[in-house]
C-alpha atoms as a PDB file:
ATOM      1  CA  MET A   1      17.976   6.257  17.449  1.00  0.00           C
ATOM      2  CA  PHE A   2      18.021   5.876  21.502  1.00  0.00           C
ATOM      3  CA  ARG A   3      16.437   8.881  22.948  1.00  0.00           C
ATOM      4  CA  SER A   4      12.685   7.576  21.618  1.00  0.00           C
ATOM      5  CA  PHE A   5      12.854   4.427  22.689  1.00  0.00           C
ATOM      6  CA  PHE A   6      14.962   4.337  26.338  1.00  0.00           C
ATOM      7  CA  PHE A   7      13.951   8.159  27.150  1.00  0.00           C
ATOM      8  CA  SER A   8      10.051   7.903  26.132  1.00  0.00           C
ATOM      9  CA  ARG A   9       7.716   7.529  28.561  1.00  0.00           C
ATOM     10  CA  ARG A  10       5.092   5.954  26.062  1.00  0.00           C
ATOM     11  CA  TRP A  11       7.864   3.146  25.575  1.00  0.00           C
ATOM     12  CA  LEU A  12       9.232   2.931  29.767  1.00  0.00           C
ATOM     13  CA  PRO A  13       7.797  -0.766  30.109  1.00  0.00           C
ATOM     14  CA  TRP A  14       9.139  -1.923  26.868  1.00  0.00           C
ATOM     15  CA  SER A  15      12.880  -0.229  27.186  1.00  0.00           C
ATOM     16  CA  VAL A  16      13.776  -0.968  30.894  1.00  0.00           C
ATOM     17  CA  LEU A  17      11.722  -3.634  31.935  1.00  0.00           C
ATOM     18  CA  GLY A  18      12.237  -5.161  28.734  1.00  0.00           C
ATOM     19  CA  THR A  19      15.478  -5.112  28.941  1.00  0.00           C
ATOM     20  CA  LEU A  20      15.940  -6.540  32.198  1.00  0.00           C
ATOM     21  CA  LEU A  21      14.145  -9.482  31.124  1.00  0.00           C
ATOM     22  CA  ILE A  22      16.132 -10.055  28.722  1.00  0.00           C
ATOM     23  CA  LEU A  23      18.812  -9.443  30.604  1.00  0.00           C
ATOM     24  CA  PHE A  24      17.532 -11.979  33.232  1.00  0.00           C
ATOM     25  CA  ALA A  25      16.843 -14.797  30.917  1.00  0.00           C
ATOM     26  CA  THR A  26      20.231 -14.418  29.455  1.00  0.00           C
ATOM     27  CA  TRP A  27      22.154 -14.697  32.984  1.00  0.00           C
ATOM     28  CA  TYR A  28      19.597 -17.785  33.264  1.00  0.00           C
ATOM     29  CA  ARG A  29      20.960 -19.507  30.104  1.00  0.00           C
ATOM     30  CA  VAL A  30      24.268 -18.924  31.383  1.00  0.00           C
ATOM     31  CA  GLN A  31      23.767 -20.461  34.312  1.00  0.00           C
ATOM     32  CA  LEU A  32      22.057 -23.404  32.772  1.00  0.00           C
ATOM     33  CA  ASP A  33      25.150 -23.754  30.629  1.00  0.00           C
ATOM     34  CA  VAL A  34      27.178 -24.062  33.644  1.00  0.00           C
ATOM     35  CA  ARG A  35      25.258 -26.707  34.811  1.00  0.00           C
ATOM     36  CA  ILE A  36      25.990 -28.647  31.736  1.00  0.00           C
ATOM     37  CA  ASN A  37      29.806 -28.098  31.927  1.00  0.00           C
ATOM     38  CA  GLU A  38      29.351 -29.803  35.456  1.00  0.00           C
ATOM     39  CA  TRP A  39      27.187 -32.970  33.386  1.00  0.00           C
ATOM     40  CA  PHE A  40      29.861 -33.110  30.620  1.00  0.00           C
ATOM     41  CA  GLY A  41      32.533 -34.373  33.683  1.00  0.00           C
ATOM     42  CA  THR A  42      30.185 -36.612  35.658  1.00  0.00           C
ATOM     43  CA  PHE A  43      28.844 -38.043  32.546  1.00  0.00           C
ATOM     44  CA  TYR A  44      31.999 -38.757  30.924  1.00  0.00           C
ATOM     45  CA  ASP A  45      34.275 -40.038  33.925  1.00  0.00           C
ATOM     46  CA  LEU A  46      30.956 -42.587  34.161  1.00  0.00           C
ATOM     47  CA  VAL A  47      31.871 -43.092  30.370  1.00  0.00           C
ATOM     48  CA  GLN A  48      35.212 -44.048  31.322  1.00  0.00           C
ATOM     49  CA  LYS A  49      34.932 -46.184  33.900  1.00  0.00           C
ATOM     50  CA  ALA A  50      32.361 -47.965  31.973  1.00  0.00           C
ATOM     51  CA  LEU A  51      34.785 -48.439  29.373  1.00  0.00           C
ATOM     52  CA  THR A  52      37.464 -49.144  31.295  1.00  0.00           C
ATOM     53  CA  THR A  53      36.226 -51.697  34.128  1.00  0.00           C
ATOM     54  CA  LYS A  54      33.195 -54.449  32.419  1.00  0.00           C
ATOM     55  CA  GLY A  55      29.951 -54.005  34.735  1.00  0.00           C
ATOM     56  CA  SER A  56      31.377 -50.776  37.041  1.00  0.00           C
ATOM     57  CA  ILE A  57      28.150 -48.990  35.983  1.00  0.00           C
ATOM     58  CA  THR A  58      24.193 -50.298  35.887  1.00  0.00           C
ATOM     59  CA  GLN A  59      22.192 -49.015  32.901  1.00  0.00           C
ATOM     60  CA  ALA A  60      20.498 -47.238  35.608  1.00  0.00           C
ATOM     61  CA  GLN A  61      23.226 -45.357  36.299  1.00  0.00           C
ATOM     62  CA  TYR A  62      23.898 -44.378  32.490  1.00  0.00           C
ATOM     63  CA  TRP A  63      20.098 -43.458  31.608  1.00  0.00           C
ATOM     64  CA  GLN A  64      20.064 -41.361  34.848  1.00  0.00           C
ATOM     65  CA  GLN A  65      22.662 -39.040  33.461  1.00  0.00           C
ATOM     66  CA  ILE A  66      21.226 -38.585  29.805  1.00  0.00           C
ATOM     67  CA  MET A  67      17.770 -37.847  31.524  1.00  0.00           C
ATOM     68  CA  THR A  68      19.441 -35.228  33.675  1.00  0.00           C
ATOM     69  CA  PHE A  69      20.794 -33.454  30.739  1.00  0.00           C
ATOM     70  CA  PHE A  70      16.985 -34.186  28.843  1.00  0.00           C
ATOM     71  CA  SER A  71      15.919 -32.101  31.703  1.00  0.00           C
ATOM     72  CA  ILE A  72      18.426 -29.502  32.149  1.00  0.00           C
ATOM     73  CA  ALA A  73      18.309 -28.881  27.838  1.00  0.00           C
ATOM     74  CA  MET A  74      14.582 -29.155  28.069  1.00  0.00           C
ATOM     75  CA  ILE A  75      14.425 -25.972  29.957  1.00  0.00           C
ATOM     76  CA  TYR A  76      17.353 -24.083  27.983  1.00  0.00           C
ATOM     77  CA  ILE A  77      15.025 -24.684  24.833  1.00  0.00           C
ATOM     78  CA  THR A  78      11.862 -23.592  26.527  1.00  0.00           C
ATOM     79  CA  VAL A  79      13.660 -20.199  27.845  1.00  0.00           C
ATOM     80  CA  ALA A  80      15.638 -19.676  24.516  1.00  0.00           C
ATOM     81  CA  VAL A  81      12.174 -20.352  22.265  1.00  0.00           C
ATOM     82  CA  LEU A  82      10.207 -17.803  24.499  1.00  0.00           C
ATOM     83  CA  ILE A  83      12.879 -15.026  25.223  1.00  0.00           C
ATOM     84  CA  ASP A  84      13.321 -14.769  21.319  1.00  0.00           C
ATOM     85  CA  PHE A  85       9.800 -14.590  21.102  1.00  0.00           C
ATOM     86  CA  PHE A  86       9.923 -11.770  23.267  1.00  0.00           C
ATOM     87  CA  THR A  87      12.818 -10.190  22.043  1.00  0.00           C
ATOM     88  CA  ARG A  88      11.472 -10.072  18.363  1.00  0.00           C
ATOM     89  CA  HIS A  89       8.087  -7.501  19.997  1.00  0.00           C
ATOM     90  CA  TYR A  90      11.124  -5.645  22.009  1.00  0.00           C
ATOM     91  CA  VAL A  91      13.330  -5.143  18.368  1.00  0.00           C
ATOM     92  CA  PHE A  92      10.022  -4.203  16.699  1.00  0.00           C
ATOM     93  CA  ARG A  93       8.956  -1.522  19.561  1.00  0.00           C
ATOM     94  CA  TRP A  94      12.158  -0.049  19.530  1.00  0.00           C
ATOM     95  CA  ARG A  95      11.386   0.119  15.512  1.00  0.00           C
ATOM     96  CA  MET A  96       8.159   2.084  16.198  1.00  0.00           C
ATOM     97  CA  ALA A  97       9.583   4.273  18.347  1.00  0.00           C
ATOM     98  CA  MET A  98      12.358   5.741  15.970  1.00  0.00           C
ATOM     99  CA  ASN A  99       9.550   5.679  13.190  1.00  0.00           C
ATOM    100  CA  GLU A 100       7.300   7.663  15.085  1.00  0.00           C
ATOM    101  CA  TYR A 101      10.287   9.867  15.864  1.00  0.00           C
ATOM    102  CA  TYR A 102      11.663  10.801  12.333  1.00  0.00           C
ATOM    103  CA  MET A 103       8.287  11.002  10.692  1.00  0.00           C
ATOM    104  CA  GLN A 104       7.631  14.315  12.771  1.00  0.00           C
ATOM    105  CA  TYR A 105      10.138  15.729  10.875  1.00  0.00           C
ATOM    106  CA  TRP A 106       9.626  14.535   7.878  1.00  0.00           C
ATOM    107  CA  GLN A 107       8.786  17.260   5.874  1.00  0.00           C
ATOM    108  CA  LYS A 108      12.455  18.002   6.723  1.00  0.00           C
ATOM    109  CA  LEU A 109      13.852  14.873   5.787  1.00  0.00           C
ATOM    110  CA  ARG A 110      11.885  14.072   2.812  1.00  0.00           C
ATOM    111  CA  THR A 111      14.399  15.791   0.360  1.00  0.00           C
ATOM    112  CA  VAL A 112      17.472  13.562   1.617  1.00  0.00           C
ATOM    113  CA  GLU A 113      18.537  10.342  -0.445  1.00  0.00           C
ATOM    114  CA  GLY A 114      17.129   7.570   0.582  1.00  0.00           C
ATOM    115  CA  ALA A 115      14.820   9.044   3.062  1.00  0.00           C
ATOM    116  CA  ALA A 116      12.128   6.267   2.937  1.00  0.00           C
ATOM    117  CA  GLN A 117      14.418   3.471   3.137  1.00  0.00           C
ATOM    118  CA  ARG A 118      16.023   5.224   6.271  1.00  0.00           C
ATOM    119  CA  VAL A 119      12.909   5.260   8.031  1.00  0.00           C
ATOM    120  CA  GLN A 120      11.570   2.164   6.590  1.00  0.00           C
ATOM    121  CA  GLU A 121      14.532  -0.392   6.971  1.00  0.00           C
ATOM    122  CA  ASP A 122      17.358   1.140   8.685  1.00  0.00           C
ATOM    123  CA  THR A 123      15.254   1.711  11.520  1.00  0.00           C
ATOM    124  CA  MET A 124      14.627  -2.110  11.978  1.00  0.00           C
ATOM    125  CA  ARG A 125      18.022  -3.178  11.061  1.00  0.00           C
ATOM    126  CA  PHE A 126      19.339  -0.306  13.287  1.00  0.00           C
ATOM    127  CA  ALA A 127      17.618  -1.578  16.489  1.00  0.00           C
ATOM    128  CA  ARG A 128      17.871  -5.593  15.616  1.00  0.00           C
ATOM    129  CA  ILE A 129      21.664  -5.383  15.746  1.00  0.00           C
ATOM    130  CA  VAL A 130      22.056  -3.415  18.559  1.00  0.00           C
ATOM    131  CA  GLU A 131      19.800  -5.655  20.241  1.00  0.00           C
ATOM    132  CA  GLY A 132      21.754  -8.475  19.190  1.00  0.00           C
ATOM    133  CA  LEU A 133      25.051  -7.236  19.990  1.00  0.00           C
ATOM    134  CA  GLY A 134      24.182  -6.032  23.299  1.00  0.00           C
ATOM    135  CA  VAL A 135      23.281  -9.240  24.135  1.00  0.00           C
ATOM    136  CA  ASP A 136      26.027 -11.240  23.087  1.00  0.00           C
ATOM    137  CA  LEU A 137      27.921  -8.742  24.762  1.00  0.00           C
ATOM    138  CA  VAL A 138      26.125  -9.630  27.694  1.00  0.00           C
ATOM    139  CA  ARG A 139      26.389 -13.316  27.361  1.00  0.00           C
ATOM    140  CA  SER A 140      29.889 -13.074  26.864  1.00  0.00           C
ATOM    141  CA  VAL A 141      30.826 -11.110  30.024  1.00  0.00           C
ATOM    142  CA  MET A 142      28.163 -13.031  31.953  1.00  0.00           C
ATOM    143  CA  THR A 143      29.417 -16.365  30.861  1.00  0.00           C
ATOM    144  CA  LEU A 144      33.433 -14.996  31.294  1.00  0.00           C
ATOM    145  CA  ALA A 145      32.102 -14.506  35.301  1.00  0.00           C
ATOM    146  CA  ALA A 146      30.364 -18.112  34.952  1.00  0.00           C
ATOM    147  CA  PHE A 147      33.412 -19.866  33.221  1.00  0.00           C
ATOM    148  CA  LEU A 148      36.281 -17.925  34.479  1.00  0.00           C
ATOM    149  CA  PRO A 149      36.824 -19.042  37.731  1.00  0.00           C
ATOM    150  CA  ILE A 150      36.025 -22.705  36.533  1.00  0.00           C
ATOM    151  CA  LEU A 151      38.698 -22.622  34.165  1.00  0.00           C
ATOM    152  CA  TRP A 152      40.863 -21.054  36.891  1.00  0.00           C
ATOM    153  CA  ALA A 153      40.754 -24.016  38.827  1.00  0.00           C
ATOM    154  CA  LEU A 154      40.472 -26.570  36.586  1.00  0.00           C
ATOM    155  CA  SER A 155      43.824 -25.289  34.682  1.00  0.00           C
ATOM    156  CA  ASP A 156      45.932 -26.263  38.115  1.00  0.00           C
ATOM    157  CA  ARG A 157      45.670 -29.647  36.760  1.00  0.00           C
ATOM    158  CA  ILE A 158      47.758 -28.734  33.610  1.00  0.00           C
ATOM    159  CA  THR A 159      51.136 -29.753  34.177  1.00  0.00           C
ATOM    160  CA  GLU A 160      52.787 -27.502  31.414  1.00  0.00           C
ATOM    161  CA  VAL A 161      51.915 -25.893  27.924  1.00  0.00           C
ATOM    162  CA  PRO A 162      53.974 -26.224  25.233  1.00  0.00           C
ATOM    163  CA  ILE A 163      56.318 -23.509  24.536  1.00  0.00           C
ATOM    164  CA  LEU A 164      55.106 -21.438  27.765  1.00  0.00           C
ATOM    165  CA  GLY A 165      55.982 -24.604  29.983  1.00  0.00           C
ATOM    166  CA  ALA A 166      54.763 -24.598  33.416  1.00  0.00           C
ATOM    167  CA  ILE A 167      53.015 -21.686  34.518  1.00  0.00           C
ATOM    168  CA  PRO A 168      49.723 -21.149  36.983  1.00  0.00           C
ATOM    169  CA  HIS A 169      46.655 -21.079  35.525  1.00  0.00           C
ATOM    170  CA  SER A 170      47.952 -21.452  32.240  1.00  0.00           C
ATOM    171  CA  LEU A 171      44.801 -21.916  30.043  1.00  0.00           C
ATOM    172  CA  VAL A 172      43.417 -18.662  31.291  1.00  0.00           C
ATOM    173  CA  TRP A 173      46.381 -16.953  29.985  1.00  0.00           C
ATOM    174  CA  VAL A 174      46.210 -18.496  26.919  1.00  0.00           C
ATOM    175  CA  SER A 175      42.630 -18.186  26.050  1.00  0.00           C
ATOM    176  CA  ILE A 176      43.061 -14.498  27.027  1.00  0.00           C
ATOM    177  CA  GLY A 177      46.329 -13.707  24.754  1.00  0.00           C
ATOM    178  CA  TRP A 178      44.678 -16.021  21.903  1.00  0.00           C
ATOM    179  CA  ALA A 179      41.242 -13.909  21.568  1.00  0.00           C
ATOM    180  CA  LEU A 180      43.464 -10.755  21.890  1.00  0.00           C
ATOM    181  CA  PHE A 181      45.610 -11.745  19.423  1.00  0.00           C
ATOM    182  CA  GLY A 182      42.371 -12.552  16.898  1.00  0.00           C
ATOM    183  CA  THR A 183      40.401  -9.456  17.812  1.00  0.00           C
ATOM    184  CA  VAL A 184      43.601  -7.254  16.336  1.00  0.00           C
ATOM    185  CA  LEU A 185      43.942  -9.689  13.749  1.00  0.00           C
ATOM    186  CA  LEU A 186      40.440  -9.117  12.321  1.00  0.00           C
ATOM    187  CA  ALA A 187      40.164  -5.789  13.387  1.00  0.00           C
ATOM    188  CA  VAL A 188      43.445  -4.798  10.978  1.00  0.00           C
ATOM    189  CA  THR A 189      41.852  -7.538   8.188  1.00  0.00           C
ATOM    190  CA  GLY A 190      38.622  -5.746   8.005  1.00  0.00           C
ATOM    191  CA  ILE A 191      39.687  -2.123   8.304  1.00  0.00           C
ATOM    192  CA  MET A 192      38.363  -1.229   4.788  1.00  0.00           C
ATOM    193  CA  LEU A 193      35.058  -3.105   5.293  1.00  0.00           C
ATOM    194  CA  PRO A 194      32.820  -0.885   7.218  1.00  0.00           C
ATOM    195  CA  GLY A 195      33.435   2.245   4.792  1.00  0.00           C
ATOM    196  CA  LEU A 196      32.174  -0.111   2.219  1.00  0.00           C
ATOM    197  CA  GLU A 197      29.470  -1.081   3.236  1.00  0.00           C
ATOM    198  CA  PHE A 198      28.555   2.642   4.200  1.00  0.00           C
ATOM    199  CA  GLN A 199      29.130   3.255   0.317  1.00  0.00           C
ATOM    200  CA  ASN A 200      27.702   0.557  -0.978  1.00  0.00           C
ATOM    201  CA  GLN A 201      24.284   1.794   1.121  1.00  0.00           C
ATOM    202  CA  ARG A 202      24.451   4.881  -0.915  1.00  0.00           C
ATOM    203  CA  VAL A 203      24.521   3.570  -4.220  1.00  0.00           C
ATOM    204  CA  GLU A 204      22.102   1.265  -3.439  1.00  0.00           C
ATOM    205  CA  ALA A 205      20.104   4.200  -2.568  1.00  0.00           C
ATOM    206  CA  ALA A 206      20.415   6.293  -5.202  1.00  0.00           C
ATOM    207  CA  TYR A 207      19.760   3.631  -7.920  1.00  0.00           C
ATOM    208  CA  ARG A 208      16.954   2.990  -5.491  1.00  0.00           C
ATOM    209  CA  LYS A 209      15.828   5.943  -6.072  1.00  0.00           C
ATOM    210  CA  GLU A 210      15.690   6.375  -9.832  1.00  0.00           C
ATOM    211  CA  LEU A 211      14.078   3.500 -10.331  1.00  0.00           C
ATOM    212  CA  VAL A 212      10.976   5.168  -7.539  1.00  0.00           C
ATOM    213  CA  TYR A 213      10.949   8.135  -9.931  1.00  0.00           C
ATOM    214  CA  GLY A 214      10.573   5.930 -13.054  1.00  0.00           C
ATOM    215  CA  GLU A 215       7.665   4.365 -11.878  1.00  0.00           C
ATOM    216  CA  ASP A 216       5.954   7.729 -12.111  1.00  0.00           C
ATOM    217  CA  ASP A 217       7.645   9.319 -14.797  1.00  0.00           C
ATOM    218  CA  ALA A 218       8.273   7.863 -18.216  1.00  0.00           C
ATOM    219  CA  ALA A 219      11.382  10.636 -18.669  1.00  0.00           C
ATOM    220  CA  ARG A 220      13.103   9.452 -15.536  1.00  0.00           C
ATOM    221  CA  ALA A 221      14.951   6.019 -15.049  1.00  0.00           C
ATOM    222  CA  SER A 222      16.049   5.828 -18.670  1.00  0.00           C
ATOM    223  CA  PRO A 223      18.437   2.820 -19.574  1.00  0.00           C
ATOM    224  CA  PRO A 224      21.588   5.168 -19.967  1.00  0.00           C
ATOM    225  CA  VAL A 225      21.014   6.868 -16.228  1.00  0.00           C
ATOM    226  CA  ALA A 226      19.635   3.339 -14.909  1.00  0.00           C
ATOM    227  CA  THR A 227      23.313   1.734 -16.127  1.00  0.00           C
ATOM    228  CA  THR A 228      25.365   4.040 -15.281  1.00  0.00           C
ATOM    229  CA  LEU A 229      23.748   4.111 -11.707  1.00  0.00           C
ATOM    230  CA  PHE A 230      23.730   0.036 -11.826  1.00  0.00           C
ATOM    231  CA  ALA A 231      27.404   0.498 -13.184  1.00  0.00           C
ATOM    232  CA  GLY A 232      28.393   2.122  -9.643  1.00  0.00           C
ATOM    233  CA  VAL A 233      26.704  -0.159  -7.654  1.00  0.00           C
ATOM    234  CA  ARG A 234      28.341  -2.980  -9.246  1.00  0.00           C
ATOM    235  CA  ARG A 235      31.752  -1.581  -9.130  1.00  0.00           C
ATOM    236  CA  ASN A 236      30.898  -1.264  -5.389  1.00  0.00           C
ATOM    237  CA  TYR A 237      30.212  -4.948  -4.528  1.00  0.00           C
ATOM    238  CA  PHE A 238      32.669  -6.382  -6.390  1.00  0.00           C
ATOM    239  CA  ARG A 239      35.146  -3.965  -4.592  1.00  0.00           C
ATOM    240  CA  LEU A 240      32.928  -5.291  -1.178  1.00  0.00           C
ATOM    241  CA  TYR A 241      33.669  -9.144  -2.193  1.00  0.00           C
ATOM    242  CA  PHE A 242      37.701  -8.859  -3.264  1.00  0.00           C
ATOM    243  CA  HIS A 243      37.950  -7.289   0.770  1.00  0.00           C
ATOM    244  CA  TYR A 244      35.744  -9.550   2.435  1.00  0.00           C
ATOM    245  CA  LEU A 245      37.784 -12.068   0.193  1.00  0.00           C
ATOM    246  CA  TYR A 246      40.706 -11.821   2.025  1.00  0.00           C
ATOM    247  CA  PHE A 247      38.767 -10.921   5.249  1.00  0.00           C
ATOM    248  CA  ASP A 248      37.073 -14.322   5.261  1.00  0.00           C
ATOM    249  CA  VAL A 249      40.088 -16.212   4.825  1.00  0.00           C
ATOM    250  CA  VAL A 250      42.161 -14.957   7.990  1.00  0.00           C
ATOM    251  CA  LYS A 251      38.687 -15.483   9.658  1.00  0.00           C
ATOM    252  CA  TRP A 252      37.713 -18.899   9.002  1.00  0.00           C
ATOM    253  CA  SER A 253      41.715 -19.808   9.744  1.00  0.00           C
ATOM    254  CA  TYR A 254      41.475 -17.995  12.879  1.00  0.00           C
ATOM    255  CA  LEU A 255      38.448 -19.954  13.693  1.00  0.00           C
ATOM    256  CA  GLN A 256      39.603 -23.468  12.828  1.00  0.00           C
ATOM    257  CA  ALA A 257      42.675 -22.968  14.663  1.00  0.00           C
ATOM    258  CA  SER A 258      40.986 -21.967  17.385  1.00  0.00           C
ATOM    259  CA  VAL A 259      39.660 -25.781  17.869  1.00  0.00           C
ATOM    260  CA  LEU A 260      43.339 -27.120  18.135  1.00  0.00           C
ATOM    261  CA  VAL A 261      44.587 -24.516  20.639  1.00  0.00           C
ATOM    262  CA  PRO A 262      42.879 -25.613  23.490  1.00  0.00           C
ATOM    263  CA  LEU A 263      44.315 -29.276  22.418  1.00  0.00           C
ATOM    264  CA  VAL A 264      47.575 -28.490  21.841  1.00  0.00           C
ATOM    265  CA  ALA A 265      48.160 -26.381  25.479  1.00  0.00           C
ATOM    266  CA  MET A 266      46.237 -29.682  27.091  1.00  0.00           C
ATOM    267  CA  GLY A 267      48.661 -32.323  25.366  1.00  0.00           C
ATOM    268  CA  PRO A 268      51.839 -33.092  27.796  1.00  0.00           C
ATOM    269  CA  THR A 269      48.535 -33.466  30.372  1.00  0.00           C
ATOM    270  CA  VAL A 270      46.849 -35.929  28.353  1.00  0.00           C
ATOM    271  CA  VAL A 271      49.810 -37.860  27.369  1.00  0.00           C
ATOM    272  CA  ALA A 272      51.025 -37.914  30.913  1.00  0.00           C
ATOM    273  CA  GLY A 273      47.464 -39.536  31.905  1.00  0.00           C
ATOM    274  CA  VAL A 274      46.996 -36.977  35.072  1.00  0.00           C
ATOM    275  CA  PHE A 275      43.522 -36.512  35.069  1.00  0.00           C
ATOM    276  CA  THR A 276      40.001 -38.533  33.785  1.00  0.00           C
ATOM    277  CA  LEU A 277      38.344 -38.195  30.610  1.00  0.00           C
ATOM    278  CA  GLY A 278      35.485 -36.445  32.445  1.00  0.00           C
ATOM    279  CA  VAL A 279      37.594 -33.608  33.731  1.00  0.00           C
ATOM    280  CA  PHE A 280      38.804 -33.685  30.099  1.00  0.00           C
ATOM    281  CA  GLN A 281      35.966 -32.380  28.604  1.00  0.00           C
ATOM    282  CA  GLN A 282      35.479 -29.971  31.670  1.00  0.00           C
ATOM    283  CA  ILE A 283      38.445 -28.125  31.125  1.00  0.00           C
ATOM    284  CA  ALA A 284      38.040 -27.997  27.567  1.00  0.00           C
ATOM    285  CA  ARG A 285      34.452 -26.755  27.387  1.00  0.00           C
ATOM    286  CA  ALA A 286      35.369 -24.393  29.932  1.00  0.00           C
ATOM    287  CA  PHE A 287      37.887 -23.342  27.621  1.00  0.00           C
ATOM    288  CA  ASP A 288      36.080 -22.859  24.721  1.00  0.00           C
ATOM    289  CA  LYS A 289      33.336 -20.615  26.633  1.00  0.00           C
ATOM    290  CA  VAL A 290      35.958 -18.325  28.270  1.00  0.00           C
ATOM    291  CA  THR A 291      37.729 -18.116  25.029  1.00  0.00           C
ATOM    292  CA  GLU A 292      34.285 -17.322  22.814  1.00  0.00           C
ATOM    293  CA  SER A 293      33.869 -14.694  25.917  1.00  0.00           C
ATOM    294  CA  PHE A 294      36.983 -12.865  24.796  1.00  0.00           C
ATOM    295  CA  GLN A 295      36.154 -13.303  21.494  1.00  0.00           C
ATOM    296  CA  TYR A 296      33.375 -11.243  21.149  1.00  0.00           C
ATOM    297  CA  LEU A 297      34.614  -8.744  18.676  1.00  0.00           C
ATOM    298  CA  VAL A 298      36.004 -11.235  16.358  1.00  0.00           C
ATOM    299  CA  MET A 299      32.547 -13.110  16.138  1.00  0.00           C
ATOM    300  CA  SER A 300      30.395  -9.971  15.932  1.00  0.00           C
ATOM    301  CA  TRP A 301      33.017  -8.042  13.641  1.00  0.00           C
ATOM    302  CA  SER A 302      30.877  -8.516  10.355  1.00  0.00           C
ATOM    303  CA  THR A 303      27.563  -7.750  12.160  1.00  0.00           C
ATOM    304  CA  ILE A 304      29.682  -4.412  13.630  1.00  0.00           C
ATOM    305  CA  ILE A 305      31.323  -3.368  10.194  1.00  0.00           C
ATOM    306  CA  GLU A 306      27.075  -3.281   9.339  1.00  0.00           C
ATOM    307  CA  LEU A 307      25.774  -1.410  12.264  1.00  0.00           C
ATOM    308  CA  ILE A 308      28.757   1.489  11.445  1.00  0.00           C
ATOM    309  CA  SER A 309      27.203   1.399   8.119  1.00  0.00           C
ATOM    310  CA  VAL A 310      23.514   1.648   9.468  1.00  0.00           C
ATOM    311  CA  TYR A 311      24.552   4.052  12.638  1.00  0.00           C
ATOM    312  CA  LYS A 312      26.193   6.506   9.960  1.00  0.00           C
ATOM    313  CA  ARG A 313      23.576   6.783   8.023  1.00  0.00           C
ATOM    314  CA  LEU A 314      20.651   7.767  10.729  1.00  0.00           C
ATOM    315  CA  ARG A 315      23.394   9.893  12.273  1.00  0.00           C
ATOM    316  CA  ALA A 316      23.479  11.798   9.086  1.00  0.00           C
ATOM    317  CA  PHE A 317      19.877  11.667   8.880  1.00  0.00           C
ATOM    318  CA  GLU A 318      19.551  13.445  12.542  1.00  0.00           C
ATOM    319  CA  ALA A 319      21.635  16.124  11.276  1.00  0.00           C
ATOM    320  CA  ARG A 320      19.265  17.504   8.782  1.00  0.00           C
ATOM    321  CA  ILE A 321      16.468  17.394  12.010  1.00  0.00           C
ATOM    322  CA  ASN A 322      18.791  19.351  14.317  1.00  0.00           C
ATOM    323  CA  ASP A 323      20.026  21.482  11.579  1.00  0.00           C
ATOM    324  CA  PRO A 324      17.541  21.749   8.493  1.00  0.00           C
ATOM    325  CA  ASP A 325      19.273  24.549   6.939  1.00  0.00           C
ATOM    326  CA  ALA A 326      22.937  23.403   6.502  1.00  0.00           C
ATOM    327  CA  GLY A 327      22.213  21.553   3.327  1.00  0.00           C
ATOM    328  CA  PRO A 328      22.762  17.762   2.729  1.00  0.00           C
ATOM    329  CA  PRO A 329      24.312  16.010   5.746  1.00  0.00           C
ATOM    330  CA  PRO A 330      28.051  15.077   4.805  1.00  0.00           C
ATOM    331  CA  GLY A 331      27.799  11.782   2.970  1.00  0.00           C
ATOM    332  CA  VAL A 332      24.929  12.381   1.963  1.00  0.00           C
ATOM    333  CA  VAL A 333      23.255  13.427  -1.774  1.00  0.00           C
ATOM    334  CA  GLN A 334      20.750  15.245  -2.359  1.00  0.00           C
ATOM    335  CA  ALA A 335      17.665  13.798  -3.939  1.00  0.00           C
ATOM    336  CA  PRO A 336      16.316  15.849  -7.092  1.00  0.00           C
ATOM    337  CA  VAL A 337      12.924  16.757  -6.680  1.00  0.00           C
ATOM    338  CA  VAL A 338      10.464  15.938  -9.161  1.00  0.00           C
ATOM    339  CA  SER A 339       8.341  18.858  -9.835  1.00  0.00           C
END
């Protein structure tokens, strides 16, 4: 999964240089986010001044701030579009590398249940998911490095926090505590999902394979057999839906509650009128950025579940390459051979 792309001389320009380019673009987008956060403070202070004292600002000052945001946003959009275009090519090159590697051993792998699907579909899914999670992780780390010092400094303006009282850099500790709570909560709630996703791929592969055999052999994919196989698919999906039901209840409840956390934490300070509207916007946005960085696992948990499923399938697939005489890998059903 990794060696075929990152340790291949042929794919070196894409795997190494391409990764560095994606990392640089991610860092640059974070820096643009920092500039937008600074703009929020300046703009909303200007708005507060205009609403408080009539005639205190000019039309030119107001529209200058609008154009400042427009210029930053246009750069951000351009970088985002170009890097997304490049990333799609990057992911497909990764898939090509895995595809070529697996096809070298096709005669050893062809009898593994779902072999065609693993080469044709799972390779693309794996490359796409790992790239997406990797970029999100790097973005979270970079965002944390950029916004944590900002929130650390702005937290000095908070006089007290409900329940906790007056503590130094209070919003940083609130952000860390809330993100840690959500991570543990969702990890415990979704503990059943990776195994169910993996099982789901197995029953889907068995059903798909029988239908493929039925295209060439009238004796295969008979109604009783197809009905039995699809019943397994239906049963696993219904179990999966049930477990996702309570997982989604917990997930969305937590994320909606996250909107209120900074407002509650800043409540006493807002009521005391200690800072301006612009500073309020800067603190709220910096808090959101820091919390989102700490919530990487929370936001990515569903994708991580899918990745675990794909990884287990490909890992079992590769076990056949390393030990072709060991029989079907664990958790993999031997496909019937049609004479």
